[in-house]
Amino acid sequence: MEKLLEILDELHPDVDFETEEHLIDNKILDSFDIVTIVAEIDAEYDVAIPAEELIPENFNSAKALYALVEKLMDE
C-alpha cells in the first residue's frame, strides 16, 4: 500500500489519499491520471489491470485500488 500511496502522491501531492474516498466522483483523478496509475501499477506490482476493472468503484479510493491490485495479484 505504501508504494501505491507514493504513486498517487506524485500525481496530486495536495490530496490525502489515505482518507479520500471519492477520487473519481469529486473529479480529483482524471483519465490521464488513471492511465498513469495503471502503468505505474503494472511496473511496480507486475499486475495488468484489465479494461473491465477500469470502473469508478476501483479508483475512488487508495484502499479500493489496493484491494484491486491484491485481487489481481492473487489470480
PDB file of N, CA and C in Angstrom:
ATOM      1  N   MET A   1       0.832  -1.201   0.000  1.00  0.00           N
ATOM      2  CA  MET A   1       0.000   0.000   0.000  1.00  0.00           C
ATOM      3  C   MET A   1       0.869   1.254   0.000  1.00  0.00           C
ATOM      4  N   GLU A   2       2.011   1.191   0.665  1.00  0.00           N
ATOM      5  CA  GLU A   2       2.879   2.364   0.762  1.00  0.00           C
ATOM      6  C   GLU A   2       3.346   2.836  -0.618  1.00  0.00           C
ATOM      7  N   LYS A   3       3.737   1.895  -1.472  1.00  0.00           N
ATOM      8  CA  LYS A   3       4.194   2.265  -2.814  1.00  0.00           C
ATOM      9  C   LYS A   3       3.052   2.867  -3.630  1.00  0.00           C
ATOM     10  N   LEU A   4       1.854   2.312  -3.474  1.00  0.00           N
ATOM     11  CA  LEU A   4       0.689   2.859  -4.173  1.00  0.00           C
ATOM     12  C   LEU A   4       0.424   4.294  -3.730  1.00  0.00           C
ATOM     13  N   LEU A   5       0.522   4.552  -2.441  1.00  0.00           N
ATOM     14  CA  LEU A   5       0.324   5.916  -1.939  1.00  0.00           C
ATOM     15  C   LEU A   5       1.380   6.861  -2.502  1.00  0.00           C
ATOM     16  N   GLU A   6       2.607   6.373  -2.675  1.00  0.00           N
ATOM     17  CA  GLU A   6       3.660   7.198  -3.281  1.00  0.00           C
ATOM     18  C   GLU A   6       3.317   7.535  -4.729  1.00  0.00           C
ATOM     19  N   ILE A   7       2.814   6.544  -5.465  1.00  0.00           N
ATOM     20  CA  ILE A   7       2.424   6.766  -6.865  1.00  0.00           C
ATOM     21  C   ILE A   7       1.330   7.840  -6.934  1.00  0.00           C
ATOM     22  N   LEU A   8       0.329   7.702  -6.089  1.00  0.00           N
ATOM     23  CA  LEU A   8      -0.778   8.661  -6.082  1.00  0.00           C
ATOM     24  C   LEU A   8      -0.316  10.045  -5.648  1.00  0.00           C
ATOM     25  N   ASP A   9       0.547  10.075  -4.639  1.00  0.00           N
ATOM     26  CA  ASP A   9       1.038  11.352  -4.123  1.00  0.00           C
ATOM     27  C   ASP A   9       1.854  12.114  -5.161  1.00  0.00           C
ATOM     28  N   GLU A  10       2.547  11.390  -6.027  1.00  0.00           N
ATOM     29  CA  GLU A  10       3.304  12.048  -7.099  1.00  0.00           C
ATOM     30  C   GLU A  10       2.375  12.759  -8.071  1.00  0.00           C
ATOM     31  N   LEU A  11       1.175  12.210  -8.264  1.00  0.00           N
ATOM     32  CA  LEU A  11       0.200  12.826  -9.174  1.00  0.00           C
ATOM     33  C   LEU A  11      -0.461  14.054  -8.558  1.00  0.00           C
ATOM     34  N   HIS A  12      -0.837  13.935  -7.283  1.00  0.00           N
ATOM     35  CA  HIS A  12      -1.556  15.018  -6.602  1.00  0.00           C
ATOM     36  C   HIS A  12      -1.070  15.119  -5.151  1.00  0.00           C
ATOM     37  N   PRO A  13       0.037  15.808  -4.932  1.00  0.00           N
ATOM     38  CA  PRO A  13       0.594  15.890  -3.572  1.00  0.00           C
ATOM     39  C   PRO A  13      -0.326  16.599  -2.571  1.00  0.00           C
ATOM     40  N   ASP A  14      -1.313  17.322  -3.059  1.00  0.00           N
ATOM     41  CA  ASP A  14      -2.211  18.082  -2.181  1.00  0.00           C
ATOM     42  C   ASP A  14      -3.394  17.261  -1.665  1.00  0.00           C
ATOM     43  N   VAL A  15      -3.515  16.003  -2.092  1.00  0.00           N
ATOM     44  CA  VAL A  15      -4.651  15.164  -1.711  1.00  0.00           C
ATOM     45  C   VAL A  15      -4.218  14.170  -0.627  1.00  0.00           C
ATOM     46  N   ASP A  16      -5.073  13.984   0.376  1.00  0.00           N
ATOM     47  CA  ASP A  16      -4.826  12.971   1.406  1.00  0.00           C
ATOM     48  C   ASP A  16      -5.439  11.652   0.929  1.00  0.00           C
ATOM     49  N   PHE A  17      -4.633  10.855   0.273  1.00  0.00           N
ATOM     50  CA  PHE A  17      -5.127   9.621  -0.320  1.00  0.00           C
ATOM     51  C   PHE A  17      -5.477   8.556   0.714  1.00  0.00           C
ATOM     52  N   GLU A  18      -5.010   8.721   1.928  1.00  0.00           N
ATOM     53  CA  GLU A  18      -5.335   7.739   2.968  1.00  0.00           C
ATOM     54  C   GLU A  18      -6.776   7.890   3.453  1.00  0.00           C
ATOM     55  N   THR A  19      -7.365   9.082   3.294  1.00  0.00           N
ATOM     56  CA  THR A  19      -8.727   9.302   3.778  1.00  0.00           C
ATOM     57  C   THR A  19      -9.736   9.608   2.667  1.00  0.00           C
ATOM     58  N   GLU A  20      -9.275  10.104   1.532  1.00  0.00           N
ATOM     59  CA  GLU A  20     -10.194  10.482   0.441  1.00  0.00           C
ATOM     60  C   GLU A  20     -10.837   9.237  -0.165  1.00  0.00           C
ATOM     61  N   GLU A  21     -12.165   9.245  -0.271  1.00  0.00           N
ATOM     62  CA  GLU A  21     -12.891   8.092  -0.790  1.00  0.00           C
ATOM     63  C   GLU A  21     -13.741   8.417  -2.020  1.00  0.00           C
ATOM     64  N   HIS A  22     -13.517   9.582  -2.613  1.00  0.00           N
ATOM     65  CA  HIS A  22     -14.299   9.991  -3.784  1.00  0.00           C
ATOM     66  C   HIS A  22     -13.382  10.596  -4.853  1.00  0.00           C
ATOM     67  N   LEU A  23     -12.306   9.907  -5.157  1.00  0.00           N
ATOM     68  CA  LEU A  23     -11.316  10.428  -6.100  1.00  0.00           C
ATOM     69  C   LEU A  23     -11.890  10.632  -7.498  1.00  0.00           C
ATOM     70  N   ILE A  24     -12.751   9.733  -7.921  1.00  0.00           N
ATOM     71  CA  ILE A  24     -13.378   9.867  -9.245  1.00  0.00           C
ATOM     72  C   ILE A  24     -14.613  10.754  -9.147  1.00  0.00           C
ATOM     73  N   ASP A  25     -15.461  10.461  -8.167  1.00  0.00           N
ATOM     74  CA  ASP A  25     -16.709  11.215  -8.011  1.00  0.00           C
ATOM     75  C   ASP A  25     -16.473  12.713  -7.851  1.00  0.00           C
ATOM     76  N   ASN A  26     -15.408  13.080  -7.142  1.00  0.00           N
ATOM     77  CA  ASN A  26     -15.091  14.505  -6.928  1.00  0.00           C
ATOM     78  C   ASN A  26     -14.129  15.059  -7.973  1.00  0.00           C
ATOM     79  N   LYS A  27     -13.892  14.273  -9.015  1.00  0.00           N
ATOM     80  CA  LYS A  27     -13.050  14.684 -10.147  1.00  0.00           C
ATOM     81  C   LYS A  27     -11.624  15.067  -9.732  1.00  0.00           C
ATOM     82  N   ILE A  28     -11.112  14.371  -8.713  1.00  0.00           N
ATOM     83  CA  ILE A  28      -9.723  14.573  -8.300  1.00  0.00           C
ATOM     84  C   ILE A  28      -8.795  13.873  -9.289  1.00  0.00           C
ATOM     85  N   LEU A  29      -9.191  12.665  -9.698  1.00  0.00           N
ATOM     86  CA  LEU A  29      -8.447  11.932 -10.716  1.00  0.00           C
ATOM     87  C   LEU A  29      -9.168  12.052 -12.046  1.00  0.00           C
ATOM     88  N   ASP A  30      -8.396  12.283 -13.109  1.00  0.00           N
ATOM     89  CA  ASP A  30      -8.984  12.328 -14.450  1.00  0.00           C
ATOM     90  C   ASP A  30      -8.466  11.146 -15.270  1.00  0.00           C
ATOM     91  N   SER A  31      -8.855  11.084 -16.504  1.00  0.00           N
ATOM     92  CA  SER A  31      -8.493   9.932 -17.341  1.00  0.00           C
ATOM     93  C   SER A  31      -6.980   9.809 -17.527  1.00  0.00           C
ATOM     94  N   PHE A  32      -6.285  10.923 -17.611  1.00  0.00           N
ATOM     95  CA  PHE A  32      -4.825  10.865 -17.743  1.00  0.00           C
ATOM     96  C   PHE A  32      -4.190  10.300 -16.480  1.00  0.00           C
ATOM     97  N   ASP A  33      -4.743  10.668 -15.324  1.00  0.00           N
ATOM     98  CA  ASP A  33      -4.251  10.117 -14.063  1.00  0.00           C
ATOM     99  C   ASP A  33      -4.457   8.599 -14.026  1.00  0.00           C
ATOM    100  N   ILE A  34      -5.611   8.147 -14.492  1.00  0.00           N
ATOM    101  CA  ILE A  34      -5.914   6.718 -14.482  1.00  0.00           C
ATOM    102  C   ILE A  34      -4.916   5.960 -15.351  1.00  0.00           C
ATOM    103  N   VAL A  35      -4.633   6.488 -16.529  1.00  0.00           N
ATOM    104  CA  VAL A  35      -3.658   5.847 -17.424  1.00  0.00           C
ATOM    105  C   VAL A  35      -2.297   5.762 -16.741  1.00  0.00           C
ATOM    106  N   THR A  36      -1.887   6.832 -16.095  1.00  0.00           N
ATOM    107  CA  THR A  36      -0.611   6.858 -15.388  1.00  0.00           C
ATOM    108  C   THR A  36      -0.606   5.841 -14.245  1.00  0.00           C
ATOM    109  N   ILE A  37      -1.670   5.813 -13.471  1.00  0.00           N
ATOM    110  CA  ILE A  37      -1.767   4.885 -12.340  1.00  0.00           C
ATOM    111  C   ILE A  37      -1.702   3.440 -12.826  1.00  0.00           C
ATOM    112  N   VAL A  38      -2.445   3.123 -13.880  1.00  0.00           N
ATOM    113  CA  VAL A  38      -2.446   1.759 -14.416  1.00  0.00           C
ATOM    114  C   VAL A  38      -1.037   1.363 -14.861  1.00  0.00           C
ATOM    115  N   ALA A  39      -0.337   2.263 -15.538  1.00  0.00           N
ATOM    116  CA  ALA A  39       1.027   1.973 -15.989  1.00  0.00           C
ATOM    117  C   ALA A  39       1.979   1.804 -14.807  1.00  0.00           C
ATOM    118  N   GLU A  40       1.858   2.662 -13.805  1.00  0.00           N
ATOM    119  CA  GLU A  40       2.729   2.579 -12.627  1.00  0.00           C
ATOM    120  C   GLU A  40       2.472   1.294 -11.831  1.00  0.00           C
ATOM    121  N   ILE A  41       1.205   0.904 -11.721  1.00  0.00           N
ATOM    122  CA  ILE A  41       0.878  -0.344 -11.021  1.00  0.00           C
ATOM    123  C   ILE A  41       1.466  -1.531 -11.768  1.00  0.00           C
ATOM    124  N   ASP A  42       1.364  -1.508 -13.084  1.00  0.00           N
ATOM    125  CA  ASP A  42       1.937  -2.587 -13.884  1.00  0.00           C
ATOM    126  C   ASP A  42       3.444  -2.673 -13.661  1.00  0.00           C
ATOM    127  N   ALA A  43       4.107  -1.527 -13.645  1.00  0.00           N
ATOM    128  CA  ALA A  43       5.562  -1.505 -13.458  1.00  0.00           C
ATOM    129  C   ALA A  43       5.965  -1.910 -12.039  1.00  0.00           C
ATOM    130  N   GLU A  44       5.252  -1.423 -11.053  1.00  0.00           N
ATOM    131  CA  GLU A  44       5.632  -1.656  -9.654  1.00  0.00           C
ATOM    132  C   GLU A  44       5.210  -3.030  -9.138  1.00  0.00           C
ATOM    133  N   TYR A  45       3.989  -3.440  -9.467  1.00  0.00           N
ATOM    134  CA  TYR A  45       3.441  -4.675  -8.917  1.00  0.00           C
ATOM    135  C   TYR A  45       3.397  -5.822  -9.928  1.00  0.00           C
ATOM    136  N   ASP A  46       3.768  -5.541 -11.188  1.00  0.00           N
ATOM    137  CA  ASP A  46       3.704  -6.528 -12.265  1.00  0.00           C
ATOM    138  C   ASP A  46       2.285  -7.091 -12.391  1.00  0.00           C
ATOM    139  N   VAL A  47       1.322  -6.169 -12.359  1.00  0.00           N
ATOM    140  CA  VAL A  47      -0.094  -6.516 -12.460  1.00  0.00           C
ATOM    141  C   VAL A  47      -0.726  -5.657 -13.553  1.00  0.00           C
ATOM    142  N   ALA A  48      -1.344  -6.334 -14.509  1.00  0.00           N
ATOM    143  CA  ALA A  48      -2.065  -5.614 -15.562  1.00  0.00           C
ATOM    144  C   ALA A  48      -3.528  -5.497 -15.145  1.00  0.00           C
ATOM    145  N   ILE A  49      -4.046  -4.290 -15.175  1.00  0.00           N
ATOM    146  CA  ILE A  49      -5.452  -4.075 -14.831  1.00  0.00           C
ATOM    147  C   ILE A  49      -6.271  -4.186 -16.111  1.00  0.00           C
ATOM    148  N   PRO A  50      -7.142  -5.203 -16.183  1.00  0.00           N
ATOM    149  CA  PRO A  50      -7.947  -5.382 -17.398  1.00  0.00           C
ATOM    150  C   PRO A  50      -8.988  -4.273 -17.558  1.00  0.00           C
ATOM    151  N   ALA A  51      -9.402  -4.063 -18.787  1.00  0.00           N
ATOM    152  CA  ALA A  51     -10.344  -2.979 -19.105  1.00  0.00           C
ATOM    153  C   ALA A  51     -11.621  -3.060 -18.281  1.00  0.00           C
ATOM    154  N   GLU A  52     -12.116  -4.273 -18.031  1.00  0.00           N
ATOM    155  CA  GLU A  52     -13.373  -4.396 -17.287  1.00  0.00           C
ATOM    156  C   GLU A  52     -13.242  -3.960 -15.826  1.00  0.00           C
ATOM    157  N   GLU A  53     -12.016  -3.802 -15.340  1.00  0.00           N
ATOM    158  CA  GLU A  53     -11.795  -3.332 -13.969  1.00  0.00           C
ATOM    159  C   GLU A  53     -11.601  -1.815 -13.897  1.00  0.00           C
ATOM    160  N   LEU A  54     -11.599  -1.159 -15.045  1.00  0.00           N
ATOM    161  CA  LEU A  54     -11.432   0.302 -15.087  1.00  0.00           C
ATOM    162  C   LEU A  54     -12.772   0.984 -14.843  1.00  0.00           C
ATOM    163  N   ILE A  55     -13.269   0.823 -13.628  1.00  0.00           N
ATOM    164  CA  ILE A  55     -14.556   1.391 -13.232  1.00  0.00           C
ATOM    165  C   ILE A  55     -14.347   2.317 -12.033  1.00  0.00           C
ATOM    166  N   PRO A  56     -15.202   3.313 -11.871  1.00  0.00           N
ATOM    167  CA  PRO A  56     -15.003   4.288 -10.784  1.00  0.00           C
ATOM    168  C   PRO A  56     -14.848   3.658  -9.402  1.00  0.00           C
ATOM    169  N   GLU A  57     -15.590   2.599  -9.124  1.00  0.00           N
ATOM    170  CA  GLU A  57     -15.523   1.979  -7.795  1.00  0.00           C
ATOM    171  C   GLU A  57     -14.115   1.520  -7.444  1.00  0.00           C
ATOM    172  N   ASN A  58     -13.350   1.108  -8.439  1.00  0.00           N
ATOM    173  CA  ASN A  58     -11.984   0.625  -8.186  1.00  0.00           C
ATOM    174  C   ASN A  58     -10.972   1.753  -8.029  1.00  0.00           C
ATOM    175  N   PHE A  59     -11.349   2.967  -8.403  1.00  0.00           N
ATOM    176  CA  PHE A  59     -10.406   4.090  -8.369  1.00  0.00           C
ATOM    177  C   PHE A  59     -10.857   5.229  -7.461  1.00  0.00           C
ATOM    178  N   ASN A  60     -11.951   5.066  -6.735  1.00  0.00           N
ATOM    179  CA  ASN A  60     -12.458   6.141  -5.880  1.00  0.00           C
ATOM    180  C   ASN A  60     -11.629   6.345  -4.616  1.00  0.00           C
ATOM    181  N   SER A  61     -10.864   5.333  -4.228  1.00  0.00           N
ATOM    182  CA  SER A  61     -10.010   5.489  -3.046  1.00  0.00           C
ATOM    183  C   SER A  61      -8.761   4.644  -3.216  1.00  0.00           C
ATOM    184  N   ALA A  62      -7.728   4.999  -2.476  1.00  0.00           N
ATOM    185  CA  ALA A  62      -6.495   4.213  -2.496  1.00  0.00           C
ATOM    186  C   ALA A  62      -6.767   2.813  -1.966  1.00  0.00           C
ATOM    187  N   LYS A  63      -7.638   2.699  -0.977  1.00  0.00           N
ATOM    188  CA  LYS A  63      -7.972   1.383  -0.407  1.00  0.00           C
ATOM    189  C   LYS A  63      -8.619   0.487  -1.455  1.00  0.00           C
ATOM    190  N   ALA A  64      -9.560   1.037  -2.207  1.00  0.00           N
ATOM    191  CA  ALA A  64     -10.230   0.254  -3.248  1.00  0.00           C
ATOM    192  C   ALA A  64      -9.248  -0.152  -4.338  1.00  0.00           C
ATOM    193  N   LEU A  65      -8.380   0.757  -4.692  1.00  0.00           N
ATOM    194  CA  LEU A  65      -7.397   0.475  -5.728  1.00  0.00           C
ATOM    195  C   LEU A  65      -6.416  -0.598  -5.266  1.00  0.00           C
ATOM    196  N   TYR A  66      -5.992  -0.513  -4.016  1.00  0.00           N
ATOM    197  CA  TYR A  66      -5.065  -1.515  -3.497  1.00  0.00           C
ATOM    198  C   TYR A  66      -5.757  -2.877  -3.382  1.00  0.00           C
ATOM    199  N   ALA A  67      -7.029  -2.892  -3.030  1.00  0.00           N
ATOM    200  CA  ALA A  67      -7.779  -4.146  -2.978  1.00  0.00           C
ATOM    201  C   ALA A  67      -7.827  -4.785  -4.373  1.00  0.00           C
ATOM    202  N   LEU A  68      -7.990  -3.956  -5.394  1.00  0.00           N
ATOM    203  CA  LEU A  68      -7.985  -4.458  -6.765  1.00  0.00           C
ATOM    204  C   LEU A  68      -6.624  -5.053  -7.110  1.00  0.00           C
ATOM    205  N   VAL A  69      -5.561  -4.351  -6.755  1.00  0.00           N
ATOM    206  CA  VAL A  69      -4.200  -4.852  -7.032  1.00  0.00           C
ATOM    207  C   VAL A  69      -3.989  -6.190  -6.327  1.00  0.00           C
ATOM    208  N   GLU A  70      -4.386  -6.283  -5.068  1.00  0.00           N
ATOM    209  CA  GLU A  70      -4.224  -7.541  -4.344  1.00  0.00           C
ATOM    210  C   GLU A  70      -5.022  -8.668  -4.992  1.00  0.00           C
ATOM    211  N   LYS A  71      -6.255  -8.371  -5.407  1.00  0.00           N
ATOM    212  CA  LYS A  71      -7.092  -9.366  -6.058  1.00  0.00           C
ATOM    213  C   LYS A  71      -6.430  -9.869  -7.349  1.00  0.00           C
ATOM    214  N   LEU A  72      -5.910  -8.947  -8.139  1.00  0.00           N
ATOM    215  CA  LEU A  72      -5.279  -9.318  -9.401  1.00  0.00           C
ATOM    216  C   LEU A  72      -3.976 -10.081  -9.184  1.00  0.00           C
ATOM    217  N   MET A  73      -3.270  -9.766  -8.119  1.00  0.00           N
ATOM    218  CA  MET A  73      -2.027 -10.478  -7.807  1.00  0.00           C
ATOM    219  C   MET A  73      -2.327 -11.921  -7.406  1.00  0.00           C
ATOM    220  N   ASP A  74      -3.472 -12.162  -6.809  1.00  0.00           N
ATOM    221  CA  ASP A  74      -3.847 -13.497  -6.362  1.00  0.00           C
ATOM    222  C   ASP A  74      -4.349 -14.381  -7.505  1.00  0.00           C
ATOM    223  N   GLU A  75      -4.717 -13.756  -8.620  1.00  0.00           N
ATOM    224  CA  GLU A  75      -5.257 -14.538  -9.743  1.00  0.00           C
ATOM    225  C   GLU A  75      -4.166 -15.236 -10.508  1.00  0.00           C
TER     226      GLU A  75
END
